[in-house]
N, C-alpha and C. Protein backbone atom coordinates (compact mmCIF):
# COMPACT_ATOMS: atom_id res chain seq x y z
N UNK A 1 99.11 -28.21 101.57
CA UNK A 1 98.47 -27.12 102.29
C UNK A 1 97.58 -26.29 101.36
N UNK A 2 98.07 -25.97 100.18
CA UNK A 2 97.29 -25.18 99.23
C UNK A 2 96.07 -25.98 98.77
N UNK A 3 96.24 -27.29 98.57
CA UNK A 3 95.12 -28.13 98.16
C UNK A 3 94.04 -28.14 99.24
N UNK A 4 94.45 -28.21 100.48
CA UNK A 4 93.49 -28.21 101.58
C UNK A 4 92.75 -26.88 101.63
N UNK A 5 93.47 -25.79 101.49
CA UNK A 5 92.86 -24.46 101.50
C UNK A 5 91.88 -24.32 100.34
N UNK A 6 92.29 -24.77 99.16
CA UNK A 6 91.43 -24.72 97.99
C UNK A 6 90.15 -25.53 98.23
N UNK A 7 90.30 -26.72 98.78
CA UNK A 7 89.15 -27.58 99.07
C UNK A 7 88.19 -26.91 100.05
N UNK A 8 88.73 -26.31 101.09
CA UNK A 8 87.90 -25.64 102.09
C UNK A 8 87.15 -24.46 101.48
N UNK A 9 87.83 -23.69 100.62
CA UNK A 9 87.18 -22.57 99.96
C UNK A 9 86.07 -23.06 99.02
N UNK A 10 86.35 -24.14 98.31
CA UNK A 10 85.36 -24.73 97.41
C UNK A 10 84.16 -25.23 98.21
N UNK A 11 84.42 -25.91 99.30
CA UNK A 11 83.35 -26.42 100.16
C UNK A 11 82.54 -25.27 100.74
N UNK A 12 83.19 -24.22 101.19
CA UNK A 12 82.49 -23.07 101.75
C UNK A 12 81.63 -22.41 100.69
N UNK A 13 82.13 -22.30 99.47
CA UNK A 13 81.37 -21.71 98.37
C UNK A 13 80.12 -22.51 98.06
N UNK A 14 80.22 -23.82 98.05
CA UNK A 14 79.06 -24.68 97.80
C UNK A 14 78.05 -24.57 98.92
N UNK A 15 78.56 -24.55 100.15
CA UNK A 15 77.68 -24.43 101.31
C UNK A 15 76.96 -23.09 101.29
N UNK A 16 77.68 -22.04 100.92
CA UNK A 16 77.09 -20.71 100.84
C UNK A 16 76.02 -20.65 99.75
N UNK A 17 76.31 -21.24 98.59
CA UNK A 17 75.34 -21.27 97.50
C UNK A 17 74.10 -22.05 97.90
N UNK A 18 74.30 -23.16 98.62
CA UNK A 18 73.15 -23.95 99.07
C UNK A 18 72.30 -23.14 100.04
N UNK A 19 72.94 -22.42 100.94
CA UNK A 19 72.21 -21.59 101.91
C UNK A 19 71.42 -20.50 101.19
N UNK A 20 72.01 -19.89 100.17
CA UNK A 20 71.31 -18.87 99.39
C UNK A 20 70.09 -19.47 98.69
N UNK A 21 70.24 -20.64 98.10
CA UNK A 21 69.14 -21.31 97.42
C UNK A 21 68.04 -21.65 98.41
N UNK A 22 68.40 -22.15 99.57
CA UNK A 22 67.41 -22.49 100.60
C UNK A 22 66.65 -21.25 101.05
N UNK A 23 67.34 -20.12 101.18
CA UNK A 23 66.68 -18.88 101.58
C UNK A 23 65.69 -18.41 100.51
N UNK A 24 66.06 -18.55 99.24
CA UNK A 24 65.16 -18.17 98.14
C UNK A 24 63.94 -19.10 98.14
N UNK A 25 64.16 -20.39 98.35
CA UNK A 25 63.04 -21.33 98.39
C UNK A 25 62.10 -21.01 99.55
N UNK A 26 62.67 -20.69 100.70
CA UNK A 26 61.85 -20.33 101.87
C UNK A 26 61.01 -19.08 101.59
N UNK A 27 61.62 -18.09 100.99
CA UNK A 27 60.90 -16.86 100.64
C UNK A 27 59.83 -17.18 99.58
N UNK A 28 60.17 -18.06 98.63
CA UNK A 28 59.21 -18.47 97.61
C UNK A 28 58.00 -19.14 98.22
N UNK A 29 58.21 -19.99 99.22
CA UNK A 29 57.08 -20.64 99.90
C UNK A 29 56.24 -19.60 100.63
N UNK A 30 56.90 -18.67 101.29
CA UNK A 30 56.19 -17.60 101.99
C UNK A 30 55.30 -16.82 101.01
N UNK A 31 55.85 -16.49 99.84
CA UNK A 31 55.07 -15.76 98.83
C UNK A 31 53.95 -16.63 98.27
N UNK A 32 54.23 -17.90 98.02
CA UNK A 32 53.23 -18.87 97.54
C UNK A 32 52.03 -18.86 98.49
N UNK A 33 52.30 -18.88 99.77
CA UNK A 33 51.23 -18.87 100.76
C UNK A 33 50.53 -17.52 100.80
N UNK A 34 51.28 -16.44 100.74
CA UNK A 34 50.68 -15.10 100.87
C UNK A 34 49.82 -14.73 99.66
N UNK A 35 50.13 -15.25 98.49
CA UNK A 35 49.32 -14.96 97.30
C UNK A 35 48.12 -15.91 97.18
N UNK A 36 47.96 -16.81 98.11
CA UNK A 36 46.78 -17.67 98.14
C UNK A 36 46.87 -18.91 97.28
N UNK A 37 48.05 -19.25 96.80
CA UNK A 37 48.22 -20.44 95.96
C UNK A 37 47.80 -21.71 96.69
N UNK A 38 48.01 -21.73 98.01
CA UNK A 38 47.71 -22.91 98.80
C UNK A 38 46.21 -23.21 98.87
N UNK A 39 45.38 -22.23 98.63
CA UNK A 39 43.93 -22.47 98.68
C UNK A 39 43.53 -23.56 97.68
N UNK A 40 44.18 -23.59 96.55
CA UNK A 40 43.88 -24.61 95.55
C UNK A 40 44.96 -25.69 95.49
N UNK A 41 46.22 -25.27 95.50
CA UNK A 41 47.33 -26.21 95.30
C UNK A 41 47.79 -26.88 96.59
N UNK A 42 47.28 -26.43 97.72
CA UNK A 42 47.63 -27.06 98.99
C UNK A 42 48.80 -26.42 99.69
N UNK A 43 48.81 -26.57 101.01
CA UNK A 43 49.85 -26.00 101.87
C UNK A 43 51.25 -26.43 101.43
N UNK A 44 51.38 -27.69 101.02
CA UNK A 44 52.69 -28.22 100.61
C UNK A 44 52.78 -28.46 99.11
N UNK A 45 51.79 -27.97 98.34
CA UNK A 45 51.85 -28.06 96.89
C UNK A 45 51.43 -29.38 96.29
N UNK A 46 50.67 -30.18 97.02
CA UNK A 46 50.23 -31.49 96.50
C UNK A 46 48.92 -31.42 95.71
N UNK A 47 48.40 -30.22 95.47
CA UNK A 47 47.15 -30.08 94.72
C UNK A 47 45.93 -30.41 95.55
N UNK A 48 46.06 -30.30 96.86
CA UNK A 48 45.00 -30.72 97.77
C UNK A 48 44.52 -29.59 98.69
N UNK A 49 44.47 -28.38 98.15
CA UNK A 49 44.02 -27.25 98.94
C UNK A 49 42.54 -27.33 99.27
N UNK A 50 42.07 -26.43 100.12
CA UNK A 50 40.67 -26.50 100.57
C UNK A 50 39.69 -26.28 99.42
N UNK A 51 40.10 -25.64 98.35
CA UNK A 51 39.23 -25.44 97.19
C UNK A 51 39.44 -26.49 96.11
N UNK A 52 40.39 -27.38 96.27
CA UNK A 52 40.77 -28.31 95.20
C UNK A 52 39.62 -29.19 94.72
N UNK A 53 38.78 -29.65 95.64
CA UNK A 53 37.71 -30.57 95.26
C UNK A 53 36.67 -29.92 94.34
N UNK A 54 36.70 -28.60 94.23
CA UNK A 54 35.75 -27.88 93.38
C UNK A 54 36.14 -27.91 91.90
N UNK A 55 37.35 -28.38 91.60
CA UNK A 55 37.87 -28.24 90.25
C UNK A 55 38.07 -29.57 89.54
N UNK A 56 37.74 -29.57 88.25
CA UNK A 56 38.00 -30.72 87.38
C UNK A 56 38.48 -30.16 86.05
N UNK A 57 39.73 -30.26 85.74
CA UNK A 57 40.75 -31.05 86.42
C UNK A 57 41.19 -30.40 87.74
N UNK A 58 41.76 -31.23 88.62
CA UNK A 58 42.20 -30.70 89.92
C UNK A 58 43.44 -29.81 89.74
N UNK A 59 43.73 -28.98 90.74
CA UNK A 59 44.93 -28.15 90.69
C UNK A 59 46.20 -29.01 90.58
N UNK A 60 47.22 -28.45 90.00
CA UNK A 60 48.48 -29.16 89.81
C UNK A 60 49.10 -29.58 91.13
N UNK A 61 49.58 -30.82 91.16
CA UNK A 61 50.39 -31.33 92.25
C UNK A 61 51.83 -31.01 91.85
N UNK A 62 52.44 -30.03 92.48
CA UNK A 62 53.78 -29.57 92.08
C UNK A 62 54.89 -30.58 92.37
N UNK A 63 54.59 -31.63 93.09
CA UNK A 63 55.59 -32.66 93.38
C UNK A 63 55.70 -33.68 92.23
N UNK A 64 54.72 -33.67 91.34
CA UNK A 64 54.67 -34.64 90.25
C UNK A 64 55.01 -33.95 88.93
N UNK A 65 56.23 -34.15 88.41
CA UNK A 65 56.60 -33.48 87.16
C UNK A 65 55.64 -33.78 86.00
N UNK A 66 54.98 -34.92 86.01
CA UNK A 66 54.03 -35.26 84.94
C UNK A 66 52.77 -34.40 85.01
N UNK A 67 52.52 -33.79 86.15
CA UNK A 67 51.31 -32.99 86.34
C UNK A 67 51.43 -31.59 85.74
N UNK A 68 52.63 -31.20 85.36
CA UNK A 68 52.84 -29.87 84.76
C UNK A 68 52.45 -29.94 83.28
N UNK A 69 51.17 -29.85 82.99
CA UNK A 69 50.66 -30.04 81.64
C UNK A 69 51.11 -28.95 80.67
N UNK A 70 51.52 -27.82 81.19
CA UNK A 70 51.95 -26.71 80.34
C UNK A 70 53.45 -26.45 80.44
N UNK A 71 54.20 -27.41 80.95
CA UNK A 71 55.66 -27.32 81.04
C UNK A 71 56.14 -27.08 82.45
N UNK A 72 57.29 -27.68 82.78
CA UNK A 72 57.83 -27.52 84.13
C UNK A 72 59.10 -26.68 84.16
N UNK A 73 59.46 -26.10 83.03
CA UNK A 73 60.62 -25.18 83.02
C UNK A 73 60.17 -23.82 83.55
N UNK A 74 61.13 -22.98 83.88
CA UNK A 74 60.85 -21.68 84.51
C UNK A 74 59.91 -20.82 83.66
N UNK A 75 60.16 -20.76 82.36
CA UNK A 75 59.34 -19.90 81.50
C UNK A 75 57.89 -20.39 81.42
N UNK A 76 57.71 -21.70 81.36
CA UNK A 76 56.35 -22.25 81.30
C UNK A 76 55.59 -21.99 82.60
N UNK A 77 56.26 -22.18 83.72
CA UNK A 77 55.63 -21.92 85.02
C UNK A 77 55.30 -20.44 85.14
N UNK A 78 56.22 -19.58 84.71
CA UNK A 78 55.99 -18.12 84.75
C UNK A 78 54.73 -17.76 83.96
N UNK A 79 54.62 -18.30 82.73
CA UNK A 79 53.45 -18.00 81.89
C UNK A 79 52.16 -18.49 82.55
N UNK A 80 52.21 -19.69 83.12
CA UNK A 80 51.02 -20.24 83.77
C UNK A 80 50.55 -19.36 84.92
N UNK A 81 51.49 -18.85 85.69
CA UNK A 81 51.14 -18.00 86.83
C UNK A 81 50.69 -16.62 86.36
N UNK A 82 51.46 -16.00 85.48
CA UNK A 82 51.16 -14.64 85.04
C UNK A 82 49.86 -14.54 84.25
N UNK A 83 49.64 -15.47 83.34
CA UNK A 83 48.51 -15.36 82.43
C UNK A 83 47.37 -16.32 82.74
N UNK A 84 47.59 -17.22 83.68
CA UNK A 84 46.56 -18.19 84.02
C UNK A 84 46.43 -19.24 82.93
N UNK A 85 45.52 -20.17 83.15
CA UNK A 85 45.27 -21.23 82.17
C UNK A 85 43.76 -21.33 82.02
N UNK A 86 43.30 -21.11 80.82
CA UNK A 86 41.86 -21.09 80.56
C UNK A 86 41.48 -22.15 79.52
N UNK A 87 42.25 -23.21 79.45
CA UNK A 87 41.96 -24.28 78.49
C UNK A 87 41.85 -25.60 79.22
N UNK A 88 41.40 -26.60 78.54
CA UNK A 88 41.25 -27.95 79.13
C UNK A 88 40.40 -27.92 80.39
N UNK A 89 39.39 -27.06 80.44
CA UNK A 89 38.50 -26.91 81.59
C UNK A 89 39.20 -26.35 82.83
N UNK A 90 40.44 -25.94 82.71
CA UNK A 90 41.17 -25.38 83.84
C UNK A 90 40.72 -23.94 84.09
N UNK A 91 40.74 -23.53 85.33
CA UNK A 91 40.39 -22.15 85.64
C UNK A 91 41.47 -21.48 86.50
N UNK A 92 42.72 -21.81 86.20
CA UNK A 92 43.84 -21.16 86.89
C UNK A 92 43.78 -19.68 86.57
N UNK A 93 43.58 -18.82 87.59
CA UNK A 93 43.51 -17.38 87.32
C UNK A 93 44.88 -16.80 87.01
N UNK A 94 44.87 -15.64 86.38
CA UNK A 94 46.10 -14.91 86.08
C UNK A 94 46.53 -14.11 87.31
N UNK A 95 47.82 -14.09 87.56
CA UNK A 95 48.41 -13.29 88.64
C UNK A 95 49.43 -12.34 88.00
N UNK A 96 48.90 -11.42 87.21
CA UNK A 96 49.76 -10.51 86.44
C UNK A 96 50.48 -9.48 87.30
N UNK A 97 50.01 -9.24 88.51
CA UNK A 97 50.57 -8.18 89.34
C UNK A 97 51.68 -8.63 90.29
N UNK A 98 52.06 -9.90 90.24
CA UNK A 98 53.16 -10.34 91.09
C UNK A 98 54.46 -9.76 90.54
N UNK A 99 55.21 -9.03 91.34
CA UNK A 99 56.48 -8.46 90.86
C UNK A 99 57.43 -9.57 90.39
N UNK A 100 58.21 -9.28 89.34
CA UNK A 100 59.10 -10.29 88.76
C UNK A 100 60.03 -10.96 89.76
N UNK A 101 60.60 -10.22 90.69
CA UNK A 101 61.51 -10.83 91.66
C UNK A 101 60.77 -11.78 92.59
N UNK A 102 59.54 -11.46 92.95
CA UNK A 102 58.76 -12.36 93.79
C UNK A 102 58.33 -13.60 92.99
N UNK A 103 57.97 -13.39 91.74
CA UNK A 103 57.58 -14.51 90.88
C UNK A 103 58.74 -15.49 90.71
N UNK A 104 59.94 -14.95 90.55
CA UNK A 104 61.13 -15.81 90.45
C UNK A 104 61.31 -16.68 91.69
N UNK A 105 61.06 -16.11 92.85
CA UNK A 105 61.20 -16.88 94.10
C UNK A 105 60.11 -17.96 94.20
N UNK A 106 58.90 -17.63 93.79
CA UNK A 106 57.83 -18.63 93.80
C UNK A 106 58.19 -19.78 92.85
N UNK A 107 58.69 -19.46 91.68
CA UNK A 107 59.08 -20.49 90.71
C UNK A 107 60.19 -21.36 91.27
N UNK A 108 61.17 -20.75 91.92
CA UNK A 108 62.25 -21.52 92.54
C UNK A 108 61.68 -22.49 93.57
N UNK A 109 60.73 -22.02 94.37
CA UNK A 109 60.10 -22.88 95.37
C UNK A 109 59.36 -24.04 94.68
N UNK A 110 58.57 -23.73 93.66
CA UNK A 110 57.80 -24.79 92.98
C UNK A 110 58.73 -25.82 92.34
N UNK A 111 59.81 -25.36 91.75
CA UNK A 111 60.75 -26.29 91.14
C UNK A 111 61.46 -27.14 92.19
N UNK A 112 61.64 -26.60 93.39
CA UNK A 112 62.26 -27.39 94.45
C UNK A 112 61.37 -28.55 94.86
N UNK A 113 60.07 -28.39 94.72
CA UNK A 113 59.13 -29.45 95.08
C UNK A 113 59.23 -30.64 94.11
N UNK A 114 59.63 -30.37 92.89
CA UNK A 114 59.77 -31.43 91.88
C UNK A 114 60.86 -32.41 92.28
N UNK A 115 61.82 -31.95 93.06
CA UNK A 115 62.99 -32.76 93.40
C UNK A 115 62.82 -33.55 94.69
N UNK A 116 61.70 -33.35 95.39
CA UNK A 116 61.50 -34.03 96.68
C UNK A 116 60.73 -35.31 96.51
């Protein structure tokens, strides 16, 4: 009986954590769209936004871990968003005014795309 109760509590905790992560990812996508990231990186993050064809190199496809030329860990993504990328002919603008909690949610969303 205790083992069953323990298992149910463990399962509920995992389910709750998954729901929390999904909610953060959903909010991250909402913020990604509201800050205009989709204009270049695309609605679903494939690097195919309406402005994408104007750029060489093209915007990052967030589904392809190899496309993260400046790193795919949280800190590297944070730096790329906050400070932009002005090398290798890239013109990723800086988004220094995104509040840290919102930036964390956007990063969580982008990292979720790597796993799909």
